[in-house]
């Protein structure tokens, strides 16, 4: 799944829900998805929290095939910045 498609999927999942803060999924050379101000885009910018993750693992995370906590424990995703922002996102995507 392309990052643009993932951003659209995240945007649809957040429809009608409130998400305070900004969060960036950093997929390295494949690009980024940034959630801020109620929108999910592939335009890079600073964020309150950054999750470094491969594009493949991000796809698994969004489809429920990768549990966020398991991903952290296995080193498949790394968090930096405000961890509270990342914790707010988990129930919204589930």
N, C-alpha and C. Protein backbone atom coordinates (compact mmCIF):
# COMPACT_ATOMS: atom_id res chain seq x y z
N UNK A 1 0.85 -1.17 0.00
CA UNK A 1 0.00 0.00 0.00
C UNK A 1 0.90 1.24 0.00
N UNK A 2 0.60 2.19 -0.88
CA UNK A 2 1.38 3.43 -0.98
C UNK A 2 1.11 4.33 0.22
N UNK A 3 2.07 5.19 0.54
CA UNK A 3 1.91 6.09 1.69
C UNK A 3 0.69 6.99 1.52
N UNK A 4 0.42 7.44 0.30
CA UNK A 4 -0.75 8.30 0.07
C UNK A 4 -2.03 7.55 0.42
N UNK A 5 -2.10 6.27 0.06
CA UNK A 5 -3.27 5.45 0.39
C UNK A 5 -3.39 5.26 1.90
N UNK A 6 -2.24 5.07 2.56
CA UNK A 6 -2.25 4.91 4.01
C UNK A 6 -2.72 6.20 4.68
N UNK A 7 -2.27 7.34 4.17
CA UNK A 7 -2.69 8.64 4.73
C UNK A 7 -4.20 8.80 4.59
N UNK A 8 -4.74 8.41 3.44
CA UNK A 8 -6.18 8.49 3.23
C UNK A 8 -6.93 7.57 4.19
N UNK A 9 -6.38 6.39 4.41
CA UNK A 9 -6.99 5.43 5.33
C UNK A 9 -6.99 5.98 6.76
N UNK A 10 -5.88 6.58 7.17
CA UNK A 10 -5.80 7.18 8.50
C UNK A 10 -6.81 8.32 8.61
N UNK A 11 -6.86 9.15 7.57
CA UNK A 11 -7.79 10.29 7.55
C UNK A 11 -9.23 9.79 7.71
N UNK A 12 -9.58 8.74 6.99
CA UNK A 12 -10.93 8.18 7.07
C UNK A 12 -11.20 7.62 8.47
N UNK A 13 -10.20 6.99 9.06
CA UNK A 13 -10.35 6.42 10.40
C UNK A 13 -10.54 7.47 11.48
N UNK A 14 -10.01 8.66 11.24
CA UNK A 14 -10.11 9.73 12.22
C UNK A 14 -11.35 10.60 12.01
N UNK A 15 -12.09 10.35 10.95
CA UNK A 15 -13.28 11.14 10.62
C UNK A 15 -14.26 11.14 11.78
N UNK A 16 -14.63 12.34 12.22
CA UNK A 16 -15.57 12.48 13.32
C UNK A 16 -14.96 12.29 14.69
N UNK A 17 -13.64 12.08 14.76
CA UNK A 17 -12.96 11.88 16.03
C UNK A 17 -11.98 13.03 16.26
N UNK A 18 -11.63 13.25 17.50
CA UNK A 18 -10.69 14.31 17.85
C UNK A 18 -9.33 13.72 18.17
N UNK A 19 -8.30 14.30 17.58
CA UNK A 19 -6.92 13.89 17.89
C UNK A 19 -6.11 15.15 18.14
N UNK A 20 -5.73 15.35 19.40
CA UNK A 20 -4.94 16.52 19.77
C UNK A 20 -3.46 16.20 19.64
N UNK A 21 -2.72 17.16 19.12
CA UNK A 21 -1.28 16.97 18.95
C UNK A 21 -0.95 16.65 17.51
N UNK A 22 0.31 16.38 17.28
CA UNK A 22 0.76 16.02 15.93
C UNK A 22 1.68 14.81 16.04
N UNK A 23 1.58 13.95 15.04
CA UNK A 23 2.33 12.71 15.05
C UNK A 23 2.85 12.43 13.64
N UNK A 24 4.09 11.97 13.57
CA UNK A 24 4.69 11.65 12.28
C UNK A 24 5.09 10.18 12.24
N UNK A 25 4.64 9.49 11.18
CA UNK A 25 5.13 8.15 10.87
C UNK A 25 6.28 8.36 9.89
N UNK A 26 7.50 8.09 10.31
CA UNK A 26 8.69 8.29 9.48
C UNK A 26 9.11 6.94 8.90
N UNK A 27 8.90 6.78 7.60
CA UNK A 27 9.23 5.53 6.91
C UNK A 27 10.56 5.66 6.16
N UNK A 28 11.44 6.53 6.64
CA UNK A 28 12.76 6.68 6.03
C UNK A 28 12.68 7.15 4.59
N UNK A 29 13.40 6.48 3.71
CA UNK A 29 13.47 6.90 2.30
C UNK A 29 12.13 6.80 1.58
N UNK A 30 11.19 6.02 2.14
CA UNK A 30 9.86 5.87 1.52
C UNK A 30 8.96 7.08 1.76
N UNK A 31 9.29 7.91 2.76
CA UNK A 31 8.51 9.11 3.04
C UNK A 31 7.91 9.12 4.42
N UNK A 32 6.97 10.05 4.62
CA UNK A 32 6.35 10.25 5.94
C UNK A 32 4.84 10.41 5.79
N UNK A 33 4.15 10.18 6.89
CA UNK A 33 2.75 10.56 7.04
C UNK A 33 2.69 11.37 8.31
N UNK A 34 2.13 12.57 8.22
CA UNK A 34 2.01 13.45 9.38
C UNK A 34 0.54 13.68 9.69
N UNK A 35 0.16 13.46 10.94
CA UNK A 35 -1.19 13.75 11.42
C UNK A 35 -1.11 15.02 12.23
N UNK A 36 -1.82 16.05 11.79
CA UNK A 36 -1.84 17.33 12.51
C UNK A 36 -3.07 18.10 12.09
N UNK A 37 -3.65 18.81 13.03
CA UNK A 37 -4.81 19.66 12.75
C UNK A 37 -5.94 18.88 12.07
N UNK A 38 -6.15 17.65 12.47
CA UNK A 38 -7.24 16.85 11.94
C UNK A 38 -7.02 16.31 10.54
N UNK A 39 -5.80 16.40 10.02
CA UNK A 39 -5.53 15.92 8.67
C UNK A 39 -4.32 15.00 8.66
N UNK A 40 -4.33 14.05 7.74
CA UNK A 40 -3.18 13.15 7.53
C UNK A 40 -2.62 13.45 6.15
N UNK A 41 -1.34 13.85 6.10
CA UNK A 41 -0.71 14.19 4.83
C UNK A 41 0.64 13.51 4.70
N UNK A 42 1.19 13.54 3.50
CA UNK A 42 2.52 13.00 3.27
C UNK A 42 3.55 14.13 3.16
N UNK A 43 3.17 15.32 3.63
CA UNK A 43 4.10 16.46 3.64
C UNK A 43 4.85 16.50 4.96
N UNK A 44 6.17 16.44 4.90
CA UNK A 44 7.00 16.39 6.10
C UNK A 44 6.95 17.71 6.87
N UNK A 45 6.92 17.59 8.18
CA UNK A 45 7.00 18.74 9.09
C UNK A 45 7.33 18.20 10.47
N UNK A 46 7.69 19.10 11.38
CA UNK A 46 7.95 18.71 12.76
C UNK A 46 6.65 18.24 13.41
N UNK A 47 6.78 17.31 14.35
CA UNK A 47 5.61 16.79 15.05
C UNK A 47 5.95 16.58 16.52
N UNK A 48 4.90 16.51 17.35
CA UNK A 48 5.08 16.29 18.79
C UNK A 48 5.70 14.93 19.07
N UNK A 49 5.35 13.94 18.25
CA UNK A 49 5.85 12.58 18.42
C UNK A 49 6.19 12.00 17.04
N UNK A 50 7.28 11.28 16.96
CA UNK A 50 7.68 10.63 15.72
C UNK A 50 7.78 9.13 15.95
N UNK A 51 7.18 8.38 15.03
CA UNK A 51 7.27 6.92 15.05
C UNK A 51 8.07 6.50 13.83
N UNK A 52 9.26 5.95 14.06
CA UNK A 52 10.07 5.44 12.96
C UNK A 52 9.65 4.00 12.72
N UNK A 53 9.24 3.72 11.47
CA UNK A 53 8.68 2.42 11.13
C UNK A 53 8.84 2.20 9.63
N UNK A 54 9.03 0.96 9.23
CA UNK A 54 9.11 0.68 7.79
C UNK A 54 7.71 0.81 7.19
N UNK A 55 7.66 1.06 5.89
CA UNK A 55 6.38 1.18 5.21
C UNK A 55 5.58 -0.12 5.34
N UNK A 56 6.26 -1.25 5.23
CA UNK A 56 5.60 -2.55 5.36
C UNK A 56 4.99 -2.72 6.75
N UNK A 57 5.75 -2.37 7.79
CA UNK A 57 5.24 -2.51 9.15
C UNK A 57 4.13 -1.49 9.44
N UNK A 58 4.18 -0.31 8.82
CA UNK A 58 3.11 0.66 8.99
C UNK A 58 1.82 0.10 8.40
N UNK A 59 1.92 -0.53 7.24
CA UNK A 59 0.75 -1.16 6.63
C UNK A 59 0.17 -2.22 7.57
N UNK A 60 1.04 -3.03 8.17
CA UNK A 60 0.60 -4.06 9.12
C UNK A 60 -0.05 -3.42 10.35
N UNK A 61 0.52 -2.33 10.83
CA UNK A 61 -0.02 -1.63 11.99
C UNK A 61 -1.43 -1.12 11.69
N UNK A 62 -1.62 -0.55 10.52
CA UNK A 62 -2.92 0.03 10.15
C UNK A 62 -3.98 -1.02 9.86
N UNK A 63 -3.56 -2.22 9.49
CA UNK A 63 -4.53 -3.28 9.20
C UNK A 63 -4.73 -4.21 10.40
N UNK A 64 -4.10 -3.90 11.52
CA UNK A 64 -4.28 -4.70 12.72
C UNK A 64 -3.42 -5.95 12.79
N UNK A 65 -2.49 -6.11 11.85
CA UNK A 65 -1.63 -7.28 11.84
C UNK A 65 -0.39 -7.09 12.71
N UNK A 66 -0.16 -5.85 13.17
CA UNK A 66 0.95 -5.56 14.06
C UNK A 66 0.41 -4.77 15.25
N UNK A 67 0.52 -5.35 16.44
CA UNK A 67 0.12 -4.68 17.66
C UNK A 67 1.16 -3.61 17.98
N UNK A 68 0.73 -2.37 18.31
CA UNK A 68 1.71 -1.30 18.58
C UNK A 68 2.70 -1.64 19.69
N UNK A 69 2.21 -2.21 20.78
CA UNK A 69 3.10 -2.53 21.90
C UNK A 69 4.08 -3.64 21.52
N UNK A 70 3.60 -4.64 20.81
CA UNK A 70 4.47 -5.71 20.34
C UNK A 70 5.52 -5.15 19.39
N UNK A 71 5.09 -4.22 18.52
CA UNK A 71 6.02 -3.60 17.57
C UNK A 71 7.16 -2.88 18.27
N UNK A 72 6.83 -2.18 19.35
CA UNK A 72 7.87 -1.47 20.12
C UNK A 72 8.82 -2.49 20.76
N UNK A 73 8.25 -3.51 21.38
CA UNK A 73 9.06 -4.51 22.08
C UNK A 73 9.98 -5.27 21.12
N UNK A 74 9.52 -5.49 19.88
CA UNK A 74 10.30 -6.23 18.90
C UNK A 74 11.22 -5.32 18.08
N UNK A 75 11.18 -4.01 18.34
CA UNK A 75 12.03 -3.07 17.62
C UNK A 75 11.54 -2.77 16.22
N UNK A 76 10.28 -3.07 15.92
CA UNK A 76 9.75 -2.80 14.59
C UNK A 76 9.29 -1.36 14.43
N UNK A 77 9.13 -0.67 15.56
CA UNK A 77 8.85 0.76 15.53
C UNK A 77 9.50 1.40 16.72
N UNK A 78 9.95 2.63 16.52
CA UNK A 78 10.65 3.36 17.57
C UNK A 78 9.98 4.71 17.75
N UNK A 79 9.71 5.05 19.00
CA UNK A 79 9.04 6.30 19.33
C UNK A 79 10.04 7.33 19.84
N UNK A 80 9.81 8.59 19.47
CA UNK A 80 10.57 9.69 20.05
C UNK A 80 9.63 10.88 20.21
N UNK A 81 9.91 11.70 21.19
CA UNK A 81 9.05 12.85 21.46
C UNK A 81 8.01 12.53 22.51
N UNK A 82 6.83 13.12 22.38
CA UNK A 82 5.76 13.00 23.37
C UNK A 82 5.02 11.67 23.19
N UNK A 83 5.33 10.70 24.06
CA UNK A 83 4.72 9.38 23.96
C UNK A 83 3.21 9.42 24.20
N UNK A 84 2.75 10.40 24.96
CA UNK A 84 1.32 10.55 25.22
C UNK A 84 0.52 10.75 23.95
N UNK A 85 1.11 11.45 22.98
CA UNK A 85 0.43 11.68 21.69
C UNK A 85 0.23 10.35 20.98
N UNK A 86 1.24 9.49 20.98
CA UNK A 86 1.14 8.19 20.32
C UNK A 86 0.08 7.33 21.03
N UNK A 87 0.00 7.42 22.34
CA UNK A 87 -0.96 6.62 23.08
C UNK A 87 -2.41 7.05 22.77
N UNK A 88 -2.62 8.32 22.47
CA UNK A 88 -3.96 8.82 22.12
C UNK A 88 -4.41 8.26 20.78
N UNK A 89 -3.48 7.96 19.90
CA UNK A 89 -3.82 7.50 18.55
C UNK A 89 -4.30 6.05 18.54
N UNK A 90 -3.77 5.22 19.41
CA UNK A 90 -4.06 3.78 19.40
C UNK A 90 -5.56 3.48 19.41
N UNK A 91 -6.35 4.02 20.34
CA UNK A 91 -7.78 3.68 20.32
C UNK A 91 -8.53 4.26 19.11
N UNK A 92 -8.04 5.34 18.54
CA UNK A 92 -8.72 5.95 17.39
C UNK A 92 -8.59 5.12 16.13
N UNK A 93 -7.47 4.43 15.97
CA UNK A 93 -7.25 3.63 14.77
C UNK A 93 -7.82 2.23 14.90
N UNK A 94 -8.01 1.77 16.14
CA UNK A 94 -8.47 0.42 16.36
C UNK A 94 -9.93 0.20 16.08
